Amino acid sequence: MNPYESILRKTRASQRYVRGSVRGSFEKAALMAAFHRCDQIGLQLGGNGWEYPVWVEFTRALNRQPRIEHYGVQNVSASLAPQDFTPCLILESRPDRGVVARLVAAEK
C-alpha cells in the first residue's frame, strides 16, 4: 500500500491497522475466541498496547460485545481491577513473539 495514499481512499481496516504486523494476530485471536465461545478477554498488552482493534475484531467475531479487561496488572492501578472477572482467553504482547493469544482454563 502506498504510504502517501489519501486517507479518504483507504478502507476502515487499513486505517485501523496502521501497525499492520498485529492485524493477523488480532484476527486469529478473535476467531479462536469465537470458536471456543469465549467472551471474557484479558489483555496484557503492556504500556504501549494497541487496544482499539481488539475491541473491533472480537466484537465482529463474536457477534456481540465481549467483556475485555486488562489482566495481571502489576502497577498501582492493580487495585482498580474488577474482582468478578475471569478471562477464558488472554491476549498478551511478547517481545520475542509479538501478540499471542492463549486459552485459560477456569480457575477453581
PDB file of N, CA and C in Angstrom:
ATOM      1  N   MET A   1       0.844  -1.178   0.000  1.00  0.00           N
ATOM      2  CA  MET A   1       0.000   0.000   0.000  1.00  0.00           C
ATOM      3  C   MET A   1       0.887   1.237   0.000  1.00  0.00           C
ATOM      4  N   ASN A   2       0.513   2.185  -0.755  1.00  0.00           N
ATOM      5  CA  ASN A   2       1.232   3.440  -0.867  1.00  0.00           C
ATOM      6  C   ASN A   2       1.076   4.246   0.428  1.00  0.00           C
ATOM      7  N   PRO A   3       2.187   4.567   1.123  1.00  0.00           N
ATOM      8  CA  PRO A   3       2.072   5.308   2.385  1.00  0.00           C
ATOM      9  C   PRO A   3       1.553   6.724   2.200  1.00  0.00           C
ATOM     10  N   TYR A   4       1.593   7.220   0.962  1.00  0.00           N
ATOM     11  CA  TYR A   4       1.136   8.579   0.696  1.00  0.00           C
ATOM     12  C   TYR A   4      -0.280   8.614   0.144  1.00  0.00           C
ATOM     13  N   GLU A   5      -0.927   7.461   0.120  1.00  0.00           N
ATOM     14  CA  GLU A   5      -2.297   7.388  -0.374  1.00  0.00           C
ATOM     15  C   GLU A   5      -3.219   8.183   0.548  1.00  0.00           C
ATOM     16  N   SER A   6      -4.187   8.827  -0.024  1.00  0.00           N
ATOM     17  CA  SER A   6      -5.121   9.636   0.756  1.00  0.00           C
ATOM     18  C   SER A   6      -5.902   8.764   1.730  1.00  0.00           C
ATOM     19  N   ILE A   7      -6.095   9.277   2.928  1.00  0.00           N
ATOM     20  CA  ILE A   7      -6.880   8.573   3.932  1.00  0.00           C
ATOM     21  C   ILE A   7      -8.330   8.389   3.462  1.00  0.00           C
ATOM     22  N   LEU A   8      -8.771   9.233   2.558  1.00  0.00           N
ATOM     23  CA  LEU A   8     -10.125   9.130   2.025  1.00  0.00           C
ATOM     24  C   LEU A   8     -10.300   7.903   1.126  1.00  0.00           C
ATOM     25  N   ARG A   9      -9.211   7.337   0.671  1.00  0.00           N
ATOM     26  CA  ARG A   9      -9.269   6.173  -0.215  1.00  0.00           C
ATOM     27  C   ARG A   9      -8.954   4.857   0.499  1.00  0.00           C
ATOM     28  N   LYS A  10      -8.544   4.926   1.743  1.00  0.00           N
ATOM     29  CA  LYS A  10      -8.192   3.722   2.494  1.00  0.00           C
ATOM     30  C   LYS A  10      -9.436   3.103   3.120  1.00  0.00           C
ATOM     31  N   THR A  11      -9.437   1.789   3.255  1.00  0.00           N
ATOM     32  CA  THR A  11     -10.539   1.104   3.925  1.00  0.00           C
ATOM     33  C   THR A  11     -10.451   1.353   5.424  1.00  0.00           C
ATOM     34  N   ARG A  12     -11.542   1.099   6.124  1.00  0.00           N
ATOM     35  CA  ARG A  12     -11.526   1.265   7.582  1.00  0.00           C
ATOM     36  C   ARG A  12     -10.514   0.339   8.221  1.00  0.00           C
ATOM     37  N   ALA A  13     -10.437  -0.907   7.724  1.00  0.00           N
ATOM     38  CA  ALA A  13      -9.486  -1.866   8.293  1.00  0.00           C
ATOM     39  C   ALA A  13      -8.049  -1.397   8.099  1.00  0.00           C
ATOM     40  N   SER A  14      -7.720  -0.872   6.927  1.00  0.00           N
ATOM     41  CA  SER A  14      -6.345  -0.424   6.708  1.00  0.00           C
ATOM     42  C   SER A  14      -6.023   0.808   7.561  1.00  0.00           C
ATOM     43  N   GLN A  15      -7.012   1.629   7.841  1.00  0.00           N
ATOM     44  CA  GLN A  15      -6.794   2.769   8.729  1.00  0.00           C
ATOM     45  C   GLN A  15      -6.591   2.293  10.168  1.00  0.00           C
ATOM     46  N   ARG A  16      -7.352   1.280  10.555  1.00  0.00           N
ATOM     47  CA  ARG A  16      -7.272   0.748  11.913  1.00  0.00           C
ATOM     48  C   ARG A  16      -5.931   0.054  12.150  1.00  0.00           C
ATOM     49  N   TYR A  17      -5.363  -0.522  11.110  1.00  0.00           N
ATOM     50  CA  TYR A  17      -4.128  -1.283  11.246  1.00  0.00           C
ATOM     51  C   TYR A  17      -2.947  -0.576  10.611  1.00  0.00           C
ATOM     52  N   VAL A  18      -2.691   0.627  11.062  1.00  0.00           N
ATOM     53  CA  VAL A  18      -1.503   1.325  10.591  1.00  0.00           C
ATOM     54  C   VAL A  18      -0.277   0.496  10.985  1.00  0.00           C
ATOM     55  N   ARG A  19      -0.350  -0.131  12.149  1.00  0.00           N
ATOM     56  CA  ARG A  19       0.686  -1.073  12.577  1.00  0.00           C
ATOM     57  C   ARG A  19       0.279  -2.450  12.049  1.00  0.00           C
ATOM     58  N   GLY A  20       0.397  -2.666  10.776  1.00  0.00           N
ATOM     59  CA  GLY A  20      -0.118  -3.846  10.106  1.00  0.00           C
ATOM     60  C   GLY A  20       0.354  -5.176  10.635  1.00  0.00           C
ATOM     61  N   SER A  21       1.481  -5.227  11.317  1.00  0.00           N
ATOM     62  CA  SER A  21       2.024  -6.500  11.755  1.00  0.00           C
ATOM     63  C   SER A  21       1.162  -7.200  12.800  1.00  0.00           C
ATOM     64  N   VAL A  22       0.309  -6.491  13.509  1.00  0.00           N
ATOM     65  CA  VAL A  22      -0.526  -7.131  14.534  1.00  0.00           C
ATOM     66  C   VAL A  22      -1.883  -7.561  13.994  1.00  0.00           C
ATOM     67  N   ARG A  23      -2.210  -7.177  12.794  1.00  0.00           N
ATOM     68  CA  ARG A  23      -3.541  -7.468  12.259  1.00  0.00           C
ATOM     69  C   ARG A  23      -3.860  -8.962  12.269  1.00  0.00           C
ATOM     70  N   GLY A  24      -2.977  -9.770  11.737  1.00  0.00           N
ATOM     71  CA  GLY A  24      -3.208 -11.213  11.693  1.00  0.00           C
ATOM     72  C   GLY A  24      -3.352 -11.818  13.079  1.00  0.00           C
ATOM     73  N   SER A  25      -2.538 -11.354  14.020  1.00  0.00           N
ATOM     74  CA  SER A  25      -2.603 -11.869  15.389  1.00  0.00           C
ATOM     75  C   SER A  25      -3.947 -11.567  16.033  1.00  0.00           C
ATOM     76  N   PHE A  26      -4.441 -10.344  15.869  1.00  0.00           N
ATOM     77  CA  PHE A  26      -5.717  -9.961  16.454  1.00  0.00           C
ATOM     78  C   PHE A  26      -6.865 -10.721  15.795  1.00  0.00           C
ATOM     79  N   GLU A  27      -6.818 -10.873  14.482  1.00  0.00           N
ATOM     80  CA  GLU A  27      -7.884 -11.592  13.774  1.00  0.00           C
ATOM     81  C   GLU A  27      -7.920 -13.059  14.190  1.00  0.00           C
ATOM     82  N   LYS A  28      -6.760 -13.702  14.279  1.00  0.00           N
ATOM     83  CA  LYS A  28      -6.698 -15.112  14.693  1.00  0.00           C
ATOM     84  C   LYS A  28      -7.191 -15.293  16.123  1.00  0.00           C
ATOM     85  N   ALA A  29      -6.801 -14.383  17.004  1.00  0.00           N
ATOM     86  CA  ALA A  29      -7.233 -14.464  18.402  1.00  0.00           C
ATOM     87  C   ALA A  29      -8.750 -14.327  18.502  1.00  0.00           C
ATOM     88  N   ALA A  30      -9.326 -13.421  17.725  1.00  0.00           N
ATOM     89  CA  ALA A  30     -10.780 -13.226  17.747  1.00  0.00           C
ATOM     90  C   ALA A  30     -11.503 -14.469  17.231  1.00  0.00           C
ATOM     91  N   LEU A  31     -10.980 -15.091  16.194  1.00  0.00           N
ATOM     92  CA  LEU A  31     -11.586 -16.325  15.679  1.00  0.00           C
ATOM     93  C   LEU A  31     -11.461 -17.457  16.689  1.00  0.00           C
ATOM     94  N   MET A  32     -10.349 -17.521  17.402  1.00  0.00           N
ATOM     95  CA  MET A  32     -10.175 -18.529  18.451  1.00  0.00           C
ATOM     96  C   MET A  32     -11.221 -18.331  19.541  1.00  0.00           C
ATOM     97  N   ALA A  33     -11.425 -17.086  19.931  1.00  0.00           N
ATOM     98  CA  ALA A  33     -12.422 -16.789  20.961  1.00  0.00           C
ATOM     99  C   ALA A  33     -13.818 -17.181  20.494  1.00  0.00           C
ATOM    100  N   ALA A  34     -14.138 -16.874  19.256  1.00  0.00           N
ATOM    101  CA  ALA A  34     -15.457 -17.222  18.724  1.00  0.00           C
ATOM    102  C   ALA A  34     -15.641 -18.737  18.685  1.00  0.00           C
ATOM    103  N   PHE A  35     -14.624 -19.470  18.246  1.00  0.00           N
ATOM    104  CA  PHE A  35     -14.706 -20.922  18.161  1.00  0.00           C
ATOM    105  C   PHE A  35     -14.958 -21.537  19.531  1.00  0.00           C
ATOM    106  N   HIS A  36     -14.315 -20.989  20.561  1.00  0.00           N
ATOM    107  CA  HIS A  36     -14.449 -21.521  21.915  1.00  0.00           C
ATOM    108  C   HIS A  36     -15.550 -20.831  22.720  1.00  0.00           C
ATOM    109  N   ARG A  37     -16.319 -19.984  22.051  1.00  0.00           N
ATOM    110  CA  ARG A  37     -17.408 -19.226  22.697  1.00  0.00           C
ATOM    111  C   ARG A  37     -16.916 -18.496  23.947  1.00  0.00           C
ATOM    112  N   CYS A  38     -15.796 -17.855  23.792  1.00  0.00           N
ATOM    113  CA  CYS A  38     -15.153 -17.132  24.885  1.00  0.00           C
ATOM    114  C   CYS A  38     -15.399 -15.645  24.705  1.00  0.00           C
ATOM    115  N   ASP A  39     -16.098 -15.037  25.653  1.00  0.00           N
ATOM    116  CA  ASP A  39     -16.347 -13.594  25.543  1.00  0.00           C
ATOM    117  C   ASP A  39     -15.809 -12.810  26.747  1.00  0.00           C
ATOM    118  N   GLN A  40     -14.871 -13.418  27.474  1.00  0.00           N
ATOM    119  CA  GLN A  40     -14.187 -12.765  28.591  1.00  0.00           C
ATOM    120  C   GLN A  40     -12.706 -12.707  28.212  1.00  0.00           C
ATOM    121  N   ILE A  41     -12.247 -11.562  27.770  1.00  0.00           N
ATOM    122  CA  ILE A  41     -10.913 -11.421  27.209  1.00  0.00           C
ATOM    123  C   ILE A  41     -10.027 -10.599  28.134  1.00  0.00           C
ATOM    124  N   GLY A  42      -8.903 -11.172  28.532  1.00  0.00           N
ATOM    125  CA  GLY A  42      -7.921 -10.462  29.347  1.00  0.00           C
ATOM    126  C   GLY A  42      -6.829  -9.887  28.469  1.00  0.00           C
ATOM    127  N   LEU A  43      -6.445  -8.663  28.728  1.00  0.00           N
ATOM    128  CA  LEU A  43      -5.388  -8.005  27.954  1.00  0.00           C
ATOM    129  C   LEU A  43      -4.134  -7.848  28.791  1.00  0.00           C
ATOM    130  N   GLN A  44      -3.016  -8.255  28.225  1.00  0.00           N
ATOM    131  CA  GLN A  44      -1.700  -8.000  28.803  1.00  0.00           C
ATOM    132  C   GLN A  44      -0.835  -7.458  27.669  1.00  0.00           C
ATOM    133  N   LEU A  45      -1.152  -6.257  27.235  1.00  0.00           N
ATOM    134  CA  LEU A  45      -0.501  -5.685  26.067  1.00  0.00           C
ATOM    135  C   LEU A  45       0.619  -4.713  26.396  1.00  0.00           C
ATOM    136  N   GLY A  46       0.850  -4.453  27.645  1.00  0.00           N
ATOM    137  CA  GLY A  46       1.920  -3.539  28.020  1.00  0.00           C
ATOM    138  C   GLY A  46       1.479  -2.090  27.933  1.00  0.00           C
ATOM    139  N   GLY A  47       2.363  -1.213  28.337  1.00  0.00           N
ATOM    140  CA  GLY A  47       2.049   0.208  28.393  1.00  0.00           C
ATOM    141  C   GLY A  47       1.799   0.852  27.042  1.00  0.00           C
ATOM    142  N   ASN A  48       2.320   0.260  26.000  1.00  0.00           N
ATOM    143  CA  ASN A  48       2.152   0.828  24.672  1.00  0.00           C
ATOM    144  C   ASN A  48       1.222  -0.045  23.830  1.00  0.00           C
ATOM    145  N   GLY A  49       0.376  -0.842  24.509  1.00  0.00           N
ATOM    146  CA  GLY A  49      -0.507  -1.764  23.818  1.00  0.00           C
ATOM    147  C   GLY A  49      -1.533  -1.052  22.964  1.00  0.00           C
ATOM    148  N   TRP A  50      -1.965  -1.728  21.957  1.00  0.00           N
ATOM    149  CA  TRP A  50      -2.872  -1.145  20.976  1.00  0.00           C
ATOM    150  C   TRP A  50      -4.219  -1.822  21.108  1.00  0.00           C
ATOM    151  N   GLU A  51      -5.129  -1.221  21.845  1.00  0.00           N
ATOM    152  CA  GLU A  51      -6.355  -1.870  22.284  1.00  0.00           C
ATOM    153  C   GLU A  51      -7.533  -1.735  21.324  1.00  0.00           C
ATOM    154  N   TYR A  52      -7.680  -0.639  20.642  1.00  0.00           N
ATOM    155  CA  TYR A  52      -8.880  -0.412  19.826  1.00  0.00           C
ATOM    156  C   TYR A  52      -9.175  -1.531  18.835  1.00  0.00           C
ATOM    157  N   PRO A  53      -8.201  -2.009  18.061  1.00  0.00           N
ATOM    158  CA  PRO A  53      -8.513  -3.095  17.118  1.00  0.00           C
ATOM    159  C   PRO A  53      -8.971  -4.382  17.807  1.00  0.00           C
ATOM    160  N   VAL A  54      -8.549  -4.589  19.049  1.00  0.00           N
ATOM    161  CA  VAL A  54      -9.003  -5.776  19.792  1.00  0.00           C
ATOM    162  C   VAL A  54     -10.514  -5.717  19.956  1.00  0.00           C
ATOM    163  N   TRP A  55     -11.033  -4.569  20.359  1.00  0.00           N
ATOM    164  CA  TRP A  55     -12.473  -4.409  20.538  1.00  0.00           C
ATOM    165  C   TRP A  55     -13.220  -4.661  19.230  1.00  0.00           C
ATOM    166  N   VAL A  56     -12.708  -4.117  18.154  1.00  0.00           N
ATOM    167  CA  VAL A  56     -13.369  -4.262  16.851  1.00  0.00           C
ATOM    168  C   VAL A  56     -13.379  -5.717  16.405  1.00  0.00           C
ATOM    169  N   GLU A  57     -12.220  -6.373  16.434  1.00  0.00           N
ATOM    170  CA  GLU A  57     -12.126  -7.748  15.936  1.00  0.00           C
ATOM    171  C   GLU A  57     -12.934  -8.725  16.778  1.00  0.00           C
ATOM    172  N   PHE A  58     -12.873  -8.602  18.094  1.00  0.00           N
ATOM    173  CA  PHE A  58     -13.592  -9.539  18.954  1.00  0.00           C
ATOM    174  C   PHE A  58     -15.099  -9.324  18.875  1.00  0.00           C
ATOM    175  N   THR A  59     -15.536  -8.090  18.794  1.00  0.00           N
ATOM    176  CA  THR A  59     -16.966  -7.814  18.637  1.00  0.00           C
ATOM    177  C   THR A  59     -17.472  -8.383  17.325  1.00  0.00           C
ATOM    178  N   ARG A  60     -16.718  -8.226  16.266  1.00  0.00           N
ATOM    179  CA  ARG A  60     -17.106  -8.752  14.952  1.00  0.00           C
ATOM    180  C   ARG A  60     -17.143 -10.289  14.971  1.00  0.00           C
ATOM    181  N   ALA A  61     -16.112 -10.920  15.511  1.00  0.00           N
ATOM    182  CA  ALA A  61     -16.026 -12.383  15.500  1.00  0.00           C
ATOM    183  C   ALA A  61     -17.088 -13.031  16.384  1.00  0.00           C
ATOM    184  N   LEU A  62     -17.374 -12.419  17.529  1.00  0.00           N
ATOM    185  CA  LEU A  62     -18.335 -12.997  18.476  1.00  0.00           C
ATOM    186  C   LEU A  62     -19.778 -12.601  18.175  1.00  0.00           C
ATOM    187  N   ASN A  63     -19.951 -11.615  17.325  1.00  0.00           N
ATOM    188  CA  ASN A  63     -21.286 -11.095  17.007  1.00  0.00           C
ATOM    189  C   ASN A  63     -21.967 -10.463  18.218  1.00  0.00           C
ATOM    190  N   ARG A  64     -21.194 -10.030  19.163  1.00  0.00           N
ATOM    191  CA  ARG A  64     -21.695  -9.333  20.355  1.00  0.00           C
ATOM    192  C   ARG A  64     -20.506  -8.666  21.039  1.00  0.00           C
ATOM    193  N   GLN A  65     -20.792  -7.791  21.951  1.00  0.00           N
ATOM    194  CA  GLN A  65     -19.745  -7.073  22.682  1.00  0.00           C
ATOM    195  C   GLN A  65     -19.145  -7.988  23.748  1.00  0.00           C
ATOM    196  N   PRO A  66     -17.855  -8.297  23.671  1.00  0.00           N
ATOM    197  CA  PRO A  66     -17.224  -9.112  24.710  1.00  0.00           C
ATOM    198  C   PRO A  66     -16.872  -8.252  25.925  1.00  0.00           C
ATOM    199  N   ARG A  67     -16.547  -8.912  27.001  1.00  0.00           N
ATOM    200  CA  ARG A  67     -16.003  -8.188  28.156  1.00  0.00           C
ATOM    201  C   ARG A  67     -14.486  -8.262  28.034  1.00  0.00           C
ATOM    202  N   ILE A  68     -13.870  -7.120  27.913  1.00  0.00           N
ATOM    203  CA  ILE A  68     -12.424  -7.038  27.753  1.00  0.00           C
ATOM    204  C   ILE A  68     -11.874  -6.190  28.900  1.00  0.00           C
ATOM    205  N   GLU A  69     -10.966  -6.784  29.653  1.00  0.00           N
ATOM    206  CA  GLU A  69     -10.372  -6.096  30.808  1.00  0.00           C
ATOM    207  C   GLU A  69      -8.859  -6.289  30.773  1.00  0.00           C
ATOM    208  N   HIS A  70      -8.141  -5.319  31.316  1.00  0.00           N
ATOM    209  CA  HIS A  70      -6.705  -5.503  31.496  1.00  0.00           C
ATOM    210  C   HIS A  70      -6.530  -6.512  32.621  1.00  0.00           C
ATOM    211  N   TYR A  71      -5.581  -7.412  32.440  1.00  0.00           N
ATOM    212  CA  TYR A  71      -5.446  -8.558  33.334  1.00  0.00           C
ATOM    213  C   TYR A  71      -3.993  -8.691  33.789  1.00  0.00           C
ATOM    214  N   GLY A  72      -3.810  -9.024  35.050  1.00  0.00           N
ATOM    215  CA  GLY A  72      -2.464  -9.219  35.573  1.00  0.00           C
ATOM    216  C   GLY A  72      -1.675  -7.934  35.699  1.00  0.00           C
ATOM    217  N   VAL A  73      -2.347  -6.840  35.955  1.00  0.00           N
ATOM    218  CA  VAL A  73      -1.692  -5.535  36.087  1.00  0.00           C
ATOM    219  C   VAL A  73      -0.792  -5.557  37.323  1.00  0.00           C
ATOM    220  N   GLN A  74       0.425  -5.053  37.177  1.00  0.00           N
ATOM    221  CA  GLN A  74       1.404  -5.110  38.259  1.00  0.00           C
ATOM    222  C   GLN A  74       1.786  -3.743  38.829  1.00  0.00           C
ATOM    223  N   ASN A  75       1.053  -2.699  38.459  1.00  0.00           N
ATOM    224  CA  ASN A  75       1.406  -1.374  38.977  1.00  0.00           C
ATOM    225  C   ASN A  75       0.319  -0.894  39.942  1.00  0.00           C
ATOM    226  N   VAL A  76       0.333   0.381  40.322  1.00  0.00           N
ATOM    227  CA  VAL A  76      -0.597   0.895  41.326  1.00  0.00           C
ATOM    228  C   VAL A  76      -2.060   0.799  40.899  1.00  0.00           C
ATOM    229  N   SER A  77      -2.321   0.743  39.603  1.00  0.00           N
ATOM    230  CA  SER A  77      -3.716   0.633  39.159  1.00  0.00           C
ATOM    231  C   SER A  77      -4.281  -0.781  39.330  1.00  0.00           C
ATOM    232  N   ALA A  78      -3.478  -1.720  39.793  1.00  0.00           N
ATOM    233  CA  ALA A  78      -3.947  -3.088  40.034  1.00  0.00           C
ATOM    234  C   ALA A  78      -5.095  -3.099  41.057  1.00  0.00           C
ATOM    235  N   SER A  79      -5.095  -2.127  41.957  1.00  0.00           N
ATOM    236  CA  SER A  79      -6.161  -2.070  42.972  1.00  0.00           C
ATOM    237  C   SER A  79      -7.521  -1.757  42.342  1.00  0.00           C
ATOM    238  N   LEU A  80      -7.537  -1.271  41.114  1.00  0.00           N
ATOM    239  CA  LEU A  80      -8.786  -0.938  40.433  1.00  0.00           C
ATOM    240  C   LEU A  80      -9.334  -2.111  39.605  1.00  0.00           C
ATOM    241  N   ALA A  81      -8.604  -3.203  39.568  1.00  0.00           N
ATOM    242  CA  ALA A  81      -9.020  -4.351  38.759  1.00  0.00           C
ATOM    243  C   ALA A  81     -10.334  -4.925  39.282  1.00  0.00           C
ATOM    244  N   PRO A  82     -11.245  -5.282  38.384  1.00  0.00           N
ATOM    245  CA  PRO A  82     -12.514  -5.864  38.816  1.00  0.00           C
ATOM    246  C   PRO A  82     -12.293  -7.235  39.452  1.00  0.00           C
ATOM    247  N   GLN A  83     -12.996  -7.492  40.528  1.00  0.00           N
ATOM    248  CA  GLN A  83     -12.846  -8.753  41.244  1.00  0.00           C
ATOM    249  C   GLN A  83     -13.690  -9.870  40.639  1.00  0.00           C
ATOM    250  N   ASP A  84     -14.641  -9.521  39.800  1.00  0.00           N
ATOM    251  CA  ASP A  84     -15.568 -10.509  39.239  1.00  0.00           C
ATOM    252  C   ASP A  84     -15.201 -10.928  37.813  1.00  0.00           C
ATOM    253  N   PHE A  85     -13.939 -10.803  37.441  1.00  0.00           N
ATOM    254  CA  PHE A  85     -13.533 -11.069  36.067  1.00  0.00           C
ATOM    255  C   PHE A  85     -12.587 -12.260  36.000  1.00  0.00           C
ATOM    256  N   THR A  86     -12.963 -13.271  35.222  1.00  0.00           N
ATOM    257  CA  THR A  86     -12.115 -14.427  34.962  1.00  0.00           C
ATOM    258  C   THR A  86     -12.070 -14.638  33.460  1.00  0.00           C
ATOM    259  N   PRO A  87     -10.952 -14.303  32.830  1.00  0.00           N
ATOM    260  CA  PRO A  87     -10.881 -14.442  31.371  1.00  0.00           C
ATOM    261  C   PRO A  87     -10.786 -15.903  30.944  1.00  0.00           C
ATOM    262  N   CYS A  88     -11.298 -16.183  29.770  1.00  0.00           N
ATOM    263  CA  CYS A  88     -11.115 -17.507  29.181  1.00  0.00           C
ATOM    264  C   CYS A  88     -10.068 -17.441  28.076  1.00  0.00           C
ATOM    265  N   LEU A  89      -9.675 -16.237  27.688  1.00  0.00           N
ATOM    266  CA  LEU A  89      -8.605 -16.045  26.713  1.00  0.00           C
ATOM    267  C   LEU A  89      -7.814 -14.814  27.126  1.00  0.00           C
ATOM    268  N   ILE A  90      -6.493 -14.944  27.076  1.00  0.00           N
ATOM    269  CA  ILE A  90      -5.625 -13.807  27.384  1.00  0.00           C
ATOM    270  C   ILE A  90      -4.848 -13.457  26.129  1.00  0.00           C
ATOM    271  N   LEU A  91      -4.888 -12.206  25.791  1.00  0.00           N
ATOM    272  CA  LEU A  91      -4.157 -11.680  24.647  1.00  0.00           C
ATOM    273  C   LEU A  91      -2.977 -10.898  25.209  1.00  0.00           C
ATOM    274  N   GLU A  92      -1.761 -11.377  24.932  1.00  0.00           N
ATOM    275  CA  GLU A  92      -0.599 -10.727  25.525  1.00  0.00           C
ATOM    276  C   GLU A  92       0.459 -10.389  24.485  1.00  0.00           C
ATOM    277  N   SER A  93       1.174  -9.342  24.791  1.00  0.00           N
ATOM    278  CA  SER A  93       2.258  -8.889  23.931  1.00  0.00           C
ATOM    279  C   SER A  93       3.550  -9.474  24.472  1.00  0.00           C
ATOM    280  N   ARG A  94       4.277 -10.192  23.599  1.00  0.00           N
ATOM    281  CA  ARG A  94       5.551 -10.783  23.997  1.00  0.00           C
ATOM    282  C   ARG A  94       6.648 -10.233  23.088  1.00  0.00           C
ATOM    283  N   PRO A  95       7.723  -9.734  23.684  1.00  0.00           N
ATOM    284  CA  PRO A  95       8.786  -9.150  22.863  1.00  0.00           C
ATOM    285  C   PRO A  95       9.364 -10.138  21.849  1.00  0.00           C
ATOM    286  N   ASP A  96       9.424 -11.407  22.216  1.00  0.00           N
ATOM    287  CA  ASP A  96      10.031 -12.404  21.340  1.00  0.00           C
ATOM    288  C   ASP A  96       9.091 -12.963  20.279  1.00  0.00           C
ATOM    289  N   ARG A  97       7.753 -12.843  20.487  1.00  0.00           N
ATOM    290  CA  ARG A  97       6.807 -13.473  19.568  1.00  0.00           C
ATOM    291  C   ARG A  97       5.681 -12.556  19.111  1.00  0.00           C
ATOM    292  N   GLY A  98       5.689 -11.315  19.491  1.00  0.00           N
ATOM    293  CA  GLY A  98       4.608 -10.410  19.111  1.00  0.00           C
ATOM    294  C   GLY A  98       3.383 -10.623  19.987  1.00  0.00           C
ATOM    295  N   VAL A  99       2.210 -10.476  19.404  1.00  0.00           N
ATOM    296  CA  VAL A  99       0.961 -10.632  20.144  1.00  0.00           C
ATOM    297  C   VAL A  99       0.539 -12.092  20.087  1.00  0.00           C
ATOM    298  N   VAL A 100       0.281 -12.680  21.267  1.00  0.00           N
ATOM    299  CA  VAL A 100      -0.051 -14.094  21.377  1.00  0.00           C
ATOM    300  C   VAL A 100      -1.351 -14.240  22.155  1.00  0.00           C
ATOM    301  N   ALA A 101      -2.227 -15.121  21.684  1.00  0.00           N
ATOM    302  CA  ALA A 101      -3.478 -15.422  22.400  1.00  0.00           C
ATOM    303  C   ALA A 101      -3.333 -16.800  23.014  1.00  0.00           C
ATOM    304  N   ARG A 102      -3.816 -16.934  24.264  1.00  0.00           N
ATOM    305  CA  ARG A 102      -3.813 -18.254  24.889  1.00  0.00           C
ATOM    306  C   ARG A 102      -5.109 -18.460  25.655  1.00  0.00           C
ATOM    307  N   LEU A 103      -5.646 -19.655  25.503  1.00  0.00           N
ATOM    308  CA  LEU A 103      -6.859 -20.006  26.215  1.00  0.00           C
ATOM    309  C   LEU A 103      -6.486 -20.313  27.669  1.00  0.00           C
ATOM    310  N   VAL A 104      -7.390 -19.998  28.582  1.00  0.00           N
ATOM    311  CA  VAL A 104      -7.143 -20.185  30.002  1.00  0.00           C
ATOM    312  C   VAL A 104      -8.238 -21.079  30.555  1.00  0.00           C
ATOM    313  N   ALA A 105      -7.841 -22.118  31.273  1.00  0.00           N
ATOM    314  CA  ALA A 105      -8.820 -22.968  31.947  1.00  0.00           C
ATOM    315  C   ALA A 105      -9.370 -22.200  33.144  1.00  0.00           C
ATOM    316  N   ALA A 106     -10.628 -22.430  33.435  1.00  0.00           N
ATOM    317  CA  ALA A 106     -11.254 -21.744  34.574  1.00  0.00           C
ATOM    318  C   ALA A 106     -10.537 -22.110  35.860  1.00  0.00           C
ATOM    319  N   GLU A 107     -10.178 -21.093  36.625  1.00  0.00           N
ATOM    320  CA  GLU A 107      -9.509 -21.330  37.908  1.00  0.00           C
ATOM    321  C   GLU A 107     -10.528 -21.713  38.954  1.00  0.00           C
ATOM    322  N   LYS A 108     -10.173 -22.652  39.803  1.00  0.00           N
ATOM    323  CA  LYS A 108     -11.106 -23.120  40.843  1.00  0.00           C
ATOM    324  C   LYS A 108     -10.633 -22.724  42.203  1.00  0.00           C
TER     325      LYS A 108
END
